[in-house]
């Protein structure tokens, strides 16, 4: 475990830690989009217990596959970085290649920039949708009391 030497180190690490967990906003949207396989029926307006269990099972499988894919990619990137530079690897592997590495590294740096720029809306929009879903459900629960009719 590496401990920070200064407040500056903490401030440098904090955005990376937050960004690592930014995919969590997509979980609710993915769960909402899961549907029953053909032949499975959903009882309106509430889902049956069978459908809820099915969605939980599907979500668990999707999560396992996503974590496995990330693990394989990170292991490959780390392994190739180690094979290329041994113990002389910088925190940012692109820094090891330097400015004189040619057009391929400029292209790699450009793709990193594009990934960062594109990641922001991909994380903010699902967060907005998730917050709206939570707000709408809370409003419906407030209006739908036992013994009253609720029109949605």
N, C-alpha and C. Protein backbone atom coordinates (compact mmCIF):
# COMPACT_ATOMS: atom_id res chain seq x y z
N UNK A 1 0.84 -1.17 0.00
CA UNK A 1 0.00 0.00 0.00
C UNK A 1 0.88 1.23 0.00
N UNK A 2 0.56 2.18 -0.84
CA UNK A 2 1.33 3.41 -0.96
C UNK A 2 0.57 4.52 -0.26
N UNK A 3 1.25 5.20 0.64
CA UNK A 3 0.64 6.31 1.37
C UNK A 3 1.10 7.62 0.75
N UNK A 4 0.22 8.63 0.69
CA UNK A 4 0.61 9.91 0.09
C UNK A 4 1.62 10.65 0.96
N UNK A 5 2.53 11.36 0.29
CA UNK A 5 3.52 12.16 1.00
C UNK A 5 3.03 13.56 1.30
N UNK A 6 2.04 14.01 0.53
CA UNK A 6 1.55 15.38 0.72
C UNK A 6 0.08 15.47 0.32
N UNK A 7 -0.50 16.62 0.61
CA UNK A 7 -1.88 16.87 0.21
C UNK A 7 -1.99 16.90 -1.31
N UNK A 8 -0.93 17.35 -1.98
CA UNK A 8 -0.92 17.37 -3.44
C UNK A 8 -1.07 15.98 -4.03
N UNK A 9 -0.43 14.99 -3.40
CA UNK A 9 -0.57 13.60 -3.86
C UNK A 9 -2.01 13.11 -3.73
N UNK A 10 -2.65 13.50 -2.64
CA UNK A 10 -4.05 13.11 -2.43
C UNK A 10 -4.93 13.77 -3.48
N UNK A 11 -4.68 15.06 -3.76
CA UNK A 11 -5.48 15.77 -4.75
C UNK A 11 -5.26 15.22 -6.16
N UNK A 12 -4.08 14.69 -6.44
CA UNK A 12 -3.83 14.05 -7.74
C UNK A 12 -4.56 12.71 -7.84
N UNK A 13 -4.60 11.97 -6.76
CA UNK A 13 -5.20 10.63 -6.77
C UNK A 13 -6.72 10.66 -6.70
N UNK A 14 -7.28 11.67 -6.07
CA UNK A 14 -8.73 11.71 -5.84
C UNK A 14 -9.55 11.62 -7.13
N UNK A 15 -9.24 12.39 -8.19
CA UNK A 15 -10.04 12.24 -9.42
C UNK A 15 -9.95 10.85 -10.03
N UNK A 16 -8.79 10.21 -9.94
CA UNK A 16 -8.67 8.85 -10.49
C UNK A 16 -9.54 7.87 -9.71
N UNK A 17 -9.60 8.03 -8.40
CA UNK A 17 -10.43 7.15 -7.59
C UNK A 17 -11.90 7.35 -7.91
N UNK A 18 -12.32 8.61 -8.01
CA UNK A 18 -13.71 8.90 -8.34
C UNK A 18 -14.05 8.39 -9.74
N UNK A 19 -13.16 8.59 -10.70
CA UNK A 19 -13.40 8.14 -12.07
C UNK A 19 -13.51 6.62 -12.14
N UNK A 20 -12.79 5.92 -11.28
CA UNK A 20 -12.84 4.46 -11.28
C UNK A 20 -14.22 3.94 -10.93
N UNK A 21 -14.97 4.69 -10.15
CA UNK A 21 -16.32 4.26 -9.74
C UNK A 21 -17.42 4.94 -10.54
N UNK A 22 -17.07 5.67 -11.58
CA UNK A 22 -18.07 6.44 -12.31
C UNK A 22 -19.01 5.57 -13.14
N UNK A 23 -18.68 4.33 -13.39
CA UNK A 23 -19.56 3.47 -14.17
C UNK A 23 -20.79 3.05 -13.38
N UNK A 24 -20.80 3.28 -12.09
CA UNK A 24 -21.91 2.83 -11.26
C UNK A 24 -23.24 3.44 -11.69
N UNK A 25 -23.21 4.65 -12.28
CA UNK A 25 -24.47 5.28 -12.69
C UNK A 25 -25.15 4.51 -13.81
N UNK A 26 -24.43 3.69 -14.53
CA UNK A 26 -25.00 2.93 -15.64
C UNK A 26 -25.75 1.68 -15.18
N UNK A 27 -25.53 1.26 -13.96
CA UNK A 27 -26.12 0.00 -13.49
C UNK A 27 -27.65 0.06 -13.51
N UNK A 28 -28.22 1.14 -13.04
CA UNK A 28 -29.70 1.24 -13.01
C UNK A 28 -30.28 1.23 -14.42
N UNK A 29 -29.64 1.94 -15.33
CA UNK A 29 -30.13 1.96 -16.71
C UNK A 29 -30.04 0.58 -17.36
N UNK A 30 -28.96 -0.12 -17.11
CA UNK A 30 -28.81 -1.47 -17.67
C UNK A 30 -29.87 -2.39 -17.08
N UNK A 31 -30.10 -2.30 -15.78
CA UNK A 31 -31.10 -3.16 -15.12
C UNK A 31 -32.50 -2.88 -15.67
N UNK A 32 -32.83 -1.60 -15.89
CA UNK A 32 -34.15 -1.25 -16.42
C UNK A 32 -34.35 -1.79 -17.83
N UNK A 33 -33.28 -1.88 -18.62
CA UNK A 33 -33.39 -2.33 -20.01
C UNK A 33 -33.48 -3.85 -20.15
N UNK A 34 -33.17 -4.59 -19.10
CA UNK A 34 -33.25 -6.04 -19.18
C UNK A 34 -34.70 -6.45 -19.40
N UNK A 35 -34.90 -7.38 -20.28
CA UNK A 35 -36.26 -7.84 -20.54
C UNK A 35 -36.31 -9.36 -20.45
N UNK A 36 -37.51 -9.84 -20.35
CA UNK A 36 -37.70 -11.29 -20.24
C UNK A 36 -37.42 -11.96 -21.57
N UNK A 37 -36.85 -13.16 -21.50
CA UNK A 37 -36.67 -13.90 -22.75
C UNK A 37 -38.02 -14.26 -23.36
N UNK A 38 -38.01 -14.67 -24.60
CA UNK A 38 -39.27 -15.02 -25.27
C UNK A 38 -39.99 -16.11 -24.49
N UNK A 39 -41.31 -15.96 -24.39
CA UNK A 39 -42.11 -16.93 -23.67
C UNK A 39 -42.38 -16.53 -22.23
N UNK A 40 -41.60 -15.61 -21.69
CA UNK A 40 -41.76 -15.13 -20.31
C UNK A 40 -42.73 -13.95 -20.33
N UNK A 41 -43.70 -13.93 -19.41
CA UNK A 41 -44.67 -12.83 -19.37
C UNK A 41 -44.45 -11.99 -18.12
N UNK A 42 -44.78 -10.71 -18.24
CA UNK A 42 -44.66 -9.78 -17.11
C UNK A 42 -46.06 -9.35 -16.73
N UNK A 43 -46.38 -9.44 -15.44
CA UNK A 43 -47.70 -9.07 -14.95
C UNK A 43 -47.72 -7.55 -14.74
N UNK A 44 -48.61 -6.85 -15.41
CA UNK A 44 -48.69 -5.39 -15.27
C UNK A 44 -49.61 -5.06 -14.12
N UNK A 45 -49.44 -3.99 -13.38
CA UNK A 45 -48.37 -3.03 -13.49
C UNK A 45 -47.12 -3.41 -12.71
N UNK A 46 -47.13 -4.51 -11.98
CA UNK A 46 -45.94 -4.94 -11.23
C UNK A 46 -45.36 -6.19 -11.85
N UNK A 47 -44.03 -6.30 -11.75
CA UNK A 47 -43.39 -7.51 -12.26
C UNK A 47 -43.59 -8.65 -11.28
N UNK A 48 -43.66 -9.84 -11.81
CA UNK A 48 -43.79 -11.00 -10.95
C UNK A 48 -42.47 -11.27 -10.24
N UNK A 49 -42.53 -12.01 -9.18
CA UNK A 49 -41.31 -12.38 -8.45
C UNK A 49 -40.35 -13.15 -9.35
N UNK A 50 -40.90 -13.96 -10.25
CA UNK A 50 -40.07 -14.72 -11.17
C UNK A 50 -39.26 -13.79 -12.06
N UNK A 51 -39.92 -12.74 -12.57
CA UNK A 51 -39.23 -11.79 -13.44
C UNK A 51 -38.15 -11.04 -12.67
N UNK A 52 -38.43 -10.66 -11.44
CA UNK A 52 -37.43 -9.96 -10.64
C UNK A 52 -36.21 -10.85 -10.39
N UNK A 53 -36.46 -12.12 -10.08
CA UNK A 53 -35.34 -13.06 -9.89
C UNK A 53 -34.57 -13.25 -11.18
N UNK A 54 -35.27 -13.31 -12.30
CA UNK A 54 -34.63 -13.46 -13.59
C UNK A 54 -33.74 -12.26 -13.90
N UNK A 55 -34.26 -11.05 -13.64
CA UNK A 55 -33.46 -9.85 -13.88
C UNK A 55 -32.24 -9.79 -12.97
N UNK A 56 -32.40 -10.22 -11.72
CA UNK A 56 -31.26 -10.25 -10.79
C UNK A 56 -30.19 -11.22 -11.28
N UNK A 57 -30.62 -12.38 -11.77
CA UNK A 57 -29.67 -13.37 -12.29
C UNK A 57 -28.96 -12.83 -13.53
N UNK A 58 -29.72 -12.21 -14.43
CA UNK A 58 -29.13 -11.65 -15.65
C UNK A 58 -28.14 -10.54 -15.29
N UNK A 59 -28.49 -9.69 -14.34
CA UNK A 59 -27.62 -8.59 -13.94
C UNK A 59 -26.33 -9.13 -13.31
N UNK A 60 -26.44 -10.20 -12.53
CA UNK A 60 -25.25 -10.80 -11.93
C UNK A 60 -24.32 -11.33 -13.02
N UNK A 61 -24.88 -11.97 -14.04
CA UNK A 61 -24.07 -12.49 -15.14
C UNK A 61 -23.41 -11.36 -15.93
N UNK A 62 -24.15 -10.28 -16.18
CA UNK A 62 -23.59 -9.13 -16.89
C UNK A 62 -22.45 -8.51 -16.08
N UNK A 63 -22.64 -8.40 -14.78
CA UNK A 63 -21.61 -7.83 -13.92
C UNK A 63 -20.36 -8.70 -13.92
N UNK A 64 -20.54 -10.01 -13.80
CA UNK A 64 -19.39 -10.92 -13.83
C UNK A 64 -18.64 -10.81 -15.14
N UNK A 65 -19.37 -10.76 -16.26
CA UNK A 65 -18.73 -10.67 -17.57
C UNK A 65 -17.98 -9.34 -17.71
N UNK A 66 -18.57 -8.24 -17.23
CA UNK A 66 -17.91 -6.94 -17.32
C UNK A 66 -16.64 -6.88 -16.49
N UNK A 67 -16.69 -7.40 -15.27
CA UNK A 67 -15.51 -7.40 -14.40
C UNK A 67 -14.43 -8.31 -14.99
N UNK A 68 -14.81 -9.45 -15.52
CA UNK A 68 -13.85 -10.36 -16.14
C UNK A 68 -13.18 -9.70 -17.35
N UNK A 69 -13.96 -9.05 -18.20
CA UNK A 69 -13.40 -8.36 -19.36
C UNK A 69 -12.40 -7.28 -18.93
N UNK A 70 -12.78 -6.46 -17.95
CA UNK A 70 -11.86 -5.43 -17.45
C UNK A 70 -10.60 -6.04 -16.87
N UNK A 71 -10.74 -7.11 -16.12
CA UNK A 71 -9.57 -7.76 -15.53
C UNK A 71 -8.62 -8.26 -16.60
N UNK A 72 -9.16 -8.91 -17.63
CA UNK A 72 -8.31 -9.42 -18.71
C UNK A 72 -7.60 -8.28 -19.43
N UNK A 73 -8.33 -7.20 -19.72
CA UNK A 73 -7.72 -6.06 -20.40
C UNK A 73 -6.63 -5.42 -19.55
N UNK A 74 -6.89 -5.22 -18.26
CA UNK A 74 -5.90 -4.59 -17.39
C UNK A 74 -4.66 -5.49 -17.21
N UNK A 75 -4.87 -6.78 -17.11
CA UNK A 75 -3.73 -7.69 -17.00
C UNK A 75 -2.89 -7.65 -18.27
N UNK A 76 -3.54 -7.65 -19.43
CA UNK A 76 -2.79 -7.57 -20.70
C UNK A 76 -2.02 -6.27 -20.81
N UNK A 77 -2.65 -5.15 -20.47
CA UNK A 77 -1.96 -3.86 -20.55
C UNK A 77 -0.78 -3.84 -19.59
N UNK A 78 -0.98 -4.30 -18.38
CA UNK A 78 0.11 -4.33 -17.41
C UNK A 78 1.23 -5.26 -17.82
N UNK A 79 0.86 -6.42 -18.35
CA UNK A 79 1.87 -7.39 -18.78
C UNK A 79 2.71 -6.84 -19.94
N UNK A 80 2.05 -6.23 -20.92
CA UNK A 80 2.79 -5.69 -22.05
C UNK A 80 3.63 -4.49 -21.64
N UNK A 81 3.14 -3.69 -20.71
CA UNK A 81 3.96 -2.59 -20.19
C UNK A 81 5.19 -3.11 -19.47
N UNK A 82 5.03 -4.15 -18.69
CA UNK A 82 6.18 -4.74 -17.99
C UNK A 82 7.16 -5.37 -18.98
N UNK A 83 6.65 -6.08 -19.97
CA UNK A 83 7.53 -6.70 -20.96
C UNK A 83 8.32 -5.66 -21.75
N UNK A 84 7.70 -4.51 -21.99
CA UNK A 84 8.38 -3.46 -22.77
C UNK A 84 9.42 -2.71 -21.95
N UNK A 85 9.10 -2.42 -20.66
CA UNK A 85 9.96 -1.52 -19.88
C UNK A 85 10.53 -2.15 -18.61
N UNK A 86 10.23 -3.36 -18.30
CA UNK A 86 10.64 -4.03 -17.06
C UNK A 86 10.24 -3.20 -15.84
N UNK A 87 11.21 -2.89 -14.97
CA UNK A 87 10.88 -2.16 -13.75
C UNK A 87 10.92 -0.66 -13.94
N UNK A 88 11.25 -0.19 -15.13
CA UNK A 88 11.40 1.24 -15.39
C UNK A 88 10.12 1.83 -16.00
N UNK A 89 8.96 1.44 -15.47
CA UNK A 89 7.68 1.90 -16.00
C UNK A 89 7.21 3.13 -15.24
N UNK A 90 6.81 4.16 -15.99
CA UNK A 90 6.23 5.36 -15.40
C UNK A 90 4.76 5.08 -15.03
N UNK A 91 4.20 5.94 -14.16
CA UNK A 91 2.79 5.76 -13.78
C UNK A 91 1.88 5.77 -15.01
N UNK A 92 2.14 6.69 -15.91
CA UNK A 92 1.40 6.77 -17.17
C UNK A 92 2.29 6.13 -18.23
N UNK A 93 1.88 4.98 -18.74
CA UNK A 93 2.74 4.23 -19.66
C UNK A 93 3.05 5.01 -20.92
N UNK A 94 2.18 5.95 -21.31
CA UNK A 94 2.45 6.75 -22.50
C UNK A 94 3.65 7.66 -22.30
N UNK A 95 3.95 8.04 -21.05
CA UNK A 95 5.12 8.88 -20.77
C UNK A 95 6.43 8.13 -21.03
N UNK A 96 6.42 6.82 -20.97
CA UNK A 96 7.64 6.05 -21.21
C UNK A 96 8.13 6.15 -22.65
N UNK A 97 7.24 6.42 -23.56
CA UNK A 97 7.62 6.47 -24.96
C UNK A 97 8.24 7.80 -25.36
N UNK A 98 7.93 8.88 -24.65
CA UNK A 98 8.54 10.17 -24.94
C UNK A 98 7.93 10.84 -26.16
N UNK A 99 8.36 12.09 -26.37
CA UNK A 99 7.81 12.90 -27.46
C UNK A 99 8.36 12.49 -28.82
N UNK A 100 9.52 11.89 -28.86
CA UNK A 100 10.15 11.54 -30.14
C UNK A 100 9.77 10.14 -30.62
N UNK A 101 8.68 9.56 -30.08
CA UNK A 101 8.30 8.19 -30.43
C UNK A 101 7.53 8.10 -31.73
N UNK A 102 7.16 9.23 -32.30
CA UNK A 102 6.52 9.20 -33.61
C UNK A 102 5.03 9.39 -33.58
N UNK A 103 4.47 9.22 -34.75
CA UNK A 103 3.05 9.49 -34.96
C UNK A 103 2.14 8.51 -34.23
N UNK A 104 2.60 7.29 -34.01
CA UNK A 104 1.77 6.30 -33.34
C UNK A 104 1.46 6.73 -31.90
N UNK A 105 2.44 7.31 -31.20
CA UNK A 105 2.20 7.76 -29.82
C UNK A 105 1.34 9.02 -29.78
N UNK A 106 1.47 9.87 -30.79
CA UNK A 106 0.59 11.04 -30.89
C UNK A 106 -0.84 10.57 -31.08
N UNK A 107 -1.03 9.56 -31.92
CA UNK A 107 -2.36 8.99 -32.14
C UNK A 107 -2.90 8.35 -30.85
N UNK A 108 -2.05 7.64 -30.12
CA UNK A 108 -2.47 7.02 -28.85
C UNK A 108 -2.88 8.09 -27.85
N UNK A 109 -2.11 9.16 -27.76
CA UNK A 109 -2.46 10.27 -26.84
C UNK A 109 -3.77 10.92 -27.26
N UNK A 110 -3.99 11.07 -28.56
CA UNK A 110 -5.24 11.65 -29.05
C UNK A 110 -6.43 10.76 -28.68
N UNK A 111 -6.26 9.43 -28.79
CA UNK A 111 -7.34 8.52 -28.42
C UNK A 111 -7.64 8.58 -26.92
N UNK A 112 -6.62 8.77 -26.10
CA UNK A 112 -6.85 8.92 -24.67
C UNK A 112 -7.66 10.18 -24.41
N UNK A 113 -7.33 11.27 -25.09
CA UNK A 113 -8.08 12.52 -24.95
C UNK A 113 -9.54 12.34 -25.38
N UNK A 114 -9.74 11.66 -26.49
CA UNK A 114 -11.11 11.42 -26.97
C UNK A 114 -11.88 10.57 -25.96
N UNK A 115 -11.24 9.57 -25.40
CA UNK A 115 -11.91 8.71 -24.41
C UNK A 115 -12.34 9.51 -23.19
N UNK A 116 -11.50 10.43 -22.75
CA UNK A 116 -11.84 11.23 -21.58
C UNK A 116 -12.99 12.19 -21.89
N UNK A 117 -12.94 12.82 -23.07
CA UNK A 117 -13.99 13.77 -23.45
C UNK A 117 -15.33 13.05 -23.63
N UNK A 118 -15.31 11.87 -24.22
CA UNK A 118 -16.55 11.13 -24.49
C UNK A 118 -17.09 10.48 -23.21
N UNK A 119 -16.24 10.16 -22.27
CA UNK A 119 -16.68 9.48 -21.05
C UNK A 119 -17.59 10.37 -20.21
N UNK A 120 -17.37 11.66 -20.23
CA UNK A 120 -18.18 12.55 -19.39
C UNK A 120 -19.67 12.47 -19.71
N UNK A 121 -20.09 12.69 -20.97
CA UNK A 121 -21.54 12.58 -21.23
C UNK A 121 -22.08 11.17 -21.06
N UNK A 122 -21.26 10.16 -21.34
CA UNK A 122 -21.73 8.79 -21.15
C UNK A 122 -22.00 8.48 -19.69
N UNK A 123 -21.38 9.21 -18.78
CA UNK A 123 -21.61 9.00 -17.35
C UNK A 123 -22.66 9.95 -16.79
N UNK A 124 -22.71 11.16 -17.29
CA UNK A 124 -23.66 12.14 -16.76
C UNK A 124 -25.09 11.85 -17.20
N UNK A 125 -25.30 11.50 -18.46
CA UNK A 125 -26.67 11.26 -18.93
C UNK A 125 -27.35 10.10 -18.20
N UNK A 126 -26.69 8.95 -18.01
CA UNK A 126 -27.35 7.90 -17.22
C UNK A 126 -27.59 8.32 -15.77
N UNK A 127 -26.72 9.14 -15.22
CA UNK A 127 -26.93 9.62 -13.85
C UNK A 127 -28.20 10.45 -13.78
N UNK A 128 -28.41 11.31 -14.78
CA UNK A 128 -29.61 12.14 -14.82
C UNK A 128 -30.86 11.27 -14.95
N UNK A 129 -30.81 10.28 -15.82
CA UNK A 129 -31.96 9.38 -16.02
C UNK A 129 -32.25 8.61 -14.73
N UNK A 130 -31.20 8.13 -14.07
CA UNK A 130 -31.37 7.38 -12.83
C UNK A 130 -31.99 8.25 -11.74
N UNK A 131 -31.52 9.47 -11.60
CA UNK A 131 -32.09 10.38 -10.59
C UNK A 131 -33.55 10.67 -10.90
N UNK A 132 -33.89 10.85 -12.18
CA UNK A 132 -35.29 11.09 -12.54
C UNK A 132 -36.15 9.87 -12.23
N UNK A 133 -35.65 8.66 -12.53
CA UNK A 133 -36.41 7.45 -12.20
C UNK A 133 -36.66 7.35 -10.69
N UNK A 134 -35.63 7.62 -9.90
CA UNK A 134 -35.78 7.56 -8.45
C UNK A 134 -36.78 8.61 -7.97
N UNK A 135 -36.72 9.80 -8.53
CA UNK A 135 -37.65 10.87 -8.14
C UNK A 135 -39.09 10.48 -8.51
N UNK A 136 -39.29 9.97 -9.74
CA UNK A 136 -40.64 9.58 -10.16
C UNK A 136 -41.21 8.46 -9.30
N UNK A 137 -40.37 7.48 -8.97
CA UNK A 137 -40.85 6.39 -8.11
C UNK A 137 -41.19 6.87 -6.71
N UNK A 138 -40.39 7.79 -6.18
CA UNK A 138 -40.68 8.34 -4.86
C UNK A 138 -42.00 9.13 -4.88
N UNK A 139 -42.23 9.86 -5.95
CA UNK A 139 -43.50 10.60 -6.07
C UNK A 139 -44.68 9.65 -6.15
N UNK A 140 -44.52 8.57 -6.94
CA UNK A 140 -45.62 7.59 -7.06
C UNK A 140 -45.90 6.94 -5.72
N UNK A 141 -44.86 6.61 -4.97
CA UNK A 141 -45.06 5.98 -3.66
C UNK A 141 -45.79 6.93 -2.72
N UNK A 142 -45.49 8.21 -2.81
CA UNK A 142 -46.15 9.20 -1.96
C UNK A 142 -47.61 9.35 -2.29
N UNK A 143 -47.97 9.21 -3.57
CA UNK A 143 -49.37 9.33 -3.99
C UNK A 143 -50.13 8.04 -3.83
N UNK A 144 -49.48 6.92 -3.94
CA UNK A 144 -50.13 5.61 -3.92
C UNK A 144 -50.13 5.05 -2.51
N UNK A 145 -51.09 5.39 -1.76
CA UNK A 145 -51.22 4.87 -0.40
C UNK A 145 -52.14 3.64 -0.41
N UNK A 146 -52.07 2.85 0.64
CA UNK A 146 -52.92 1.67 0.75
C UNK A 146 -54.37 2.11 0.78
N UNK A 147 -55.20 1.47 -0.04
CA UNK A 147 -56.62 1.75 -0.06
C UNK A 147 -57.01 2.85 -1.04
N UNK A 148 -56.05 3.47 -1.73
CA UNK A 148 -56.39 4.51 -2.71
C UNK A 148 -56.03 4.01 -4.10
N UNK A 149 -56.63 4.62 -5.08
CA UNK A 149 -56.29 4.27 -6.45
C UNK A 149 -55.19 5.19 -6.93
N UNK A 150 -54.28 4.63 -7.68
CA UNK A 150 -53.15 5.41 -8.18
C UNK A 150 -53.10 5.26 -9.68
N UNK A 151 -53.16 6.38 -10.36
CA UNK A 151 -53.18 6.35 -11.81
C UNK A 151 -51.79 6.51 -12.43
N UNK A 152 -50.73 6.50 -11.64
CA UNK A 152 -49.39 6.57 -12.19
C UNK A 152 -48.83 7.91 -12.08
